[in-house]
């Protein structure tokens, strides 16, 4: 959840949060491949 963001409307923040939730596995896989990361916190 985003608590403070400047320059984005509430609707834009909700859309961004939904995008992140829907694409978390893909984003995580890309980050893991790029940085060699081995664990992550789950977006809840």
Protein backbone atom coordinates (compact mmCIF):
# COMPACT_ATOMS: atom_id res chain seq x y z
CA UNK A 1 0.00 0.00 0.00
CA UNK A 2 1.22 3.47 -0.84
CA UNK A 3 0.90 5.91 2.04
CA UNK A 4 2.41 9.07 0.53
CA UNK A 5 3.08 9.76 -3.11
CA UNK A 6 3.34 13.10 -4.78
CA UNK A 7 2.40 13.67 -8.40
CA UNK A 8 -0.06 10.74 -8.67
CA UNK A 9 -3.82 10.76 -8.27
CA UNK A 10 -5.52 8.27 -5.95
CA UNK A 11 -6.81 6.37 -9.01
CA UNK A 12 -3.31 6.15 -10.48
CA UNK A 13 -1.95 4.79 -7.20
CA UNK A 14 -4.71 2.18 -7.05
CA UNK A 15 -3.98 1.14 -10.64
CA UNK A 16 -0.26 0.90 -9.88
CA UNK A 17 -0.89 -1.23 -6.79
CA UNK A 18 -3.19 -3.53 -8.78
CA UNK A 19 -0.56 -3.84 -11.53
CA UNK A 20 2.11 -4.74 -8.97
CA UNK A 21 -0.13 -7.37 -7.35
CA UNK A 22 -1.08 -8.91 -10.70
CA UNK A 23 2.51 -9.00 -11.97
CA UNK A 24 4.44 -9.70 -8.77
CA UNK A 25 5.66 -13.16 -9.91
CA UNK A 26 6.96 -11.78 -13.20
CA UNK A 27 8.56 -8.73 -11.54
CA UNK A 28 10.16 -10.99 -8.94
CA UNK A 29 11.54 -13.35 -11.60
CA UNK A 30 13.09 -10.46 -13.54
CA UNK A 31 14.62 -9.00 -10.37
CA UNK A 32 15.95 -12.40 -9.31
CA UNK A 33 17.58 -12.97 -12.70
CA UNK A 34 19.11 -9.48 -12.81
CA UNK A 35 20.41 -9.29 -9.24
CA UNK A 36 20.77 -12.86 -8.08
CA UNK A 37 18.22 -12.30 -5.30
CA UNK A 38 17.18 -15.46 -3.41
CA UNK A 39 14.14 -14.42 -1.32
CA UNK A 40 11.33 -11.85 -1.23
CA UNK A 41 8.49 -10.62 0.91
CA UNK A 42 5.06 -11.42 -0.49
CA UNK A 43 2.88 -8.49 -1.51
CA UNK A 44 -0.26 -8.89 0.55
